[in-house]
Structures are given as C-alpha cells and as structure tokens.
Amino acid sequence: MPILANPLAFLRARYGAGPLVVAAAIPFLFLHRNYQPGIDVGPLHIDLSDLAVLAVVVAGARALDRRLVAARAVWLAGAALALLIAIG
C-alpha cells in the first residue's frame, strides 16, 4: 500500500530523480518557443525550455556512474560545445 500513498516518492526511491526530471522536461522541450515564458538578462533571452535542458543535464551529471567518470574528456568536450553554442 505505500506505493499508492505516494507514487512519486516510490519512483524516486526506486529509480532516482533523473527519470522524473526528464519526464517533467519533455513538455517544455516540445512546446513552441512563442508560447513559452522567458526572461531577458542583459543580451540573453532565456526560455523555459532552456531551463528544462539545464535541469536534464544537471540530473544526468548527478547520476554519473564511476564507469562514466573515466570518459571525462568527452564530458568536457560536450560542455565546451554547449558553452560555444550558448555564447554564439
């Protein structure tokens, strides 16, 4: 019965927060940019989908396994590419 009392807590305890973050981010990733709230910070415009992508990346980084830490060069290259895309 504890599963029915709090299903999100059960899923988080069983699988972690990563799948829940991805599931929560999917609607914002497919919603058109014109219909999303956004904020202007200087020359930057940040949409809700940008924050959803950031949440997925952070959740993925937190869920890293020791086997994936060995691929640090790939993670650094991906972060550098994301930074270049954000700047450009």
Protein backbone atom coordinates (compact mmCIF):
# COMPACT_ATOMS: atom_id res chain seq x y z
CA MET A 1 0.00 0.00 0.00
CA PRO A 2 2.82 2.55 0.44
CA ILE A 3 3.20 2.71 -3.34
CA LEU A 4 -0.32 4.09 -3.76
CA ALA A 5 0.08 6.57 -0.92
CA ASN A 6 2.95 8.47 -2.54
CA PRO A 7 3.82 7.18 -6.02
CA LEU A 8 6.41 9.90 -6.79
CA ALA A 9 8.35 9.10 -3.64
CA PHE A 10 8.28 5.42 -4.55
CA LEU A 11 9.55 6.09 -8.09
CA ARG A 12 12.27 8.43 -6.82
CA ALA A 13 13.43 5.88 -4.26
CA ARG A 14 13.48 3.11 -6.84
CA TYR A 15 14.92 4.88 -9.90
CA GLY A 16 16.32 8.18 -8.61
CA ALA A 17 15.32 11.69 -9.61
CA GLY A 18 16.77 11.55 -13.15
CA PRO A 19 13.83 9.92 -14.95
CA LEU A 20 11.38 12.21 -13.17
CA VAL A 21 13.33 15.29 -14.26
CA VAL A 22 13.39 14.08 -17.86
CA ALA A 23 9.66 13.32 -17.77
CA ALA A 24 8.93 16.79 -16.39
CA ALA A 25 11.14 18.48 -19.02
CA ILE A 26 9.63 16.79 -22.10
CA PRO A 27 6.52 19.02 -22.44
CA PHE A 28 8.63 22.18 -22.33
CA LEU A 29 11.04 20.84 -24.94
CA PHE A 30 8.24 20.27 -27.44
CA LEU A 31 6.29 23.46 -26.73
CA HIS A 32 6.94 26.12 -29.36
CA ARG A 33 9.18 28.98 -28.31
CA ASN A 34 6.46 31.58 -28.91
CA TYR A 35 4.26 30.02 -26.23
CA GLN A 36 6.89 29.71 -23.51
CA PRO A 37 7.56 32.28 -20.82
CA GLY A 38 11.02 33.76 -20.95
CA ILE A 39 13.21 36.29 -19.26
CA ASP A 40 15.74 38.74 -20.65
CA VAL A 41 19.02 39.01 -18.76
CA GLY A 42 21.11 41.61 -20.50
CA PRO A 43 21.64 40.43 -24.08
CA LEU A 44 20.46 36.89 -23.23
CA HIS A 45 16.92 35.60 -23.59
CA ILE A 46 16.21 32.52 -21.50
CA ASP A 47 13.17 30.39 -22.30
CA LEU A 48 11.61 27.75 -20.11
CA SER A 49 12.92 25.05 -22.45
CA ASP A 50 16.48 26.29 -21.81
CA LEU A 51 15.97 25.72 -18.10
CA ALA A 52 14.45 22.29 -18.82
CA VAL A 53 17.55 21.29 -20.79
CA LEU A 54 19.75 22.57 -17.98
CA ALA A 55 17.78 20.52 -15.44
CA VAL A 56 18.19 17.37 -17.57
CA VAL A 57 21.94 17.96 -17.92
CA VAL A 58 22.34 18.51 -14.17
CA ALA A 59 20.30 15.40 -13.39
CA GLY A 60 22.44 13.41 -15.82
CA ALA A 61 25.64 14.74 -14.30
CA ARG A 62 24.48 13.82 -10.81
CA ALA A 63 23.64 10.30 -11.94
CA LEU A 64 27.10 9.63 -13.31
CA ASP A 65 28.44 6.22 -12.57
CA ARG A 66 32.10 5.57 -11.83
CA ARG A 67 32.43 3.93 -15.23
CA LEU A 68 31.41 7.15 -16.94
CA VAL A 69 33.79 9.33 -14.96
CA ALA A 70 36.61 7.79 -16.99
CA ALA A 71 35.11 9.50 -20.05
CA ARG A 72 35.81 12.92 -18.54
CA ALA A 73 37.31 14.20 -21.83
CA VAL A 74 34.02 13.53 -23.62
CA TRP A 75 32.07 15.39 -20.93
CA LEU A 76 34.47 18.34 -21.08
CA ALA A 77 34.24 18.47 -24.87
CA GLY A 78 30.43 18.41 -24.66
CA ALA A 79 30.44 21.17 -22.05
CA ALA A 80 32.78 23.26 -24.22
CA LEU A 81 30.48 22.78 -27.22
CA ALA A 82 27.44 23.77 -25.17
CA LEU A 83 29.27 26.87 -23.96
CA LEU A 84 30.21 27.83 -27.51
CA ILE A 85 26.61 27.39 -28.63
CA ALA A 86 25.35 29.47 -25.70
CA ILE A 87 27.82 32.27 -26.42
CA GLY A 88 27.15 32.30 -30.17
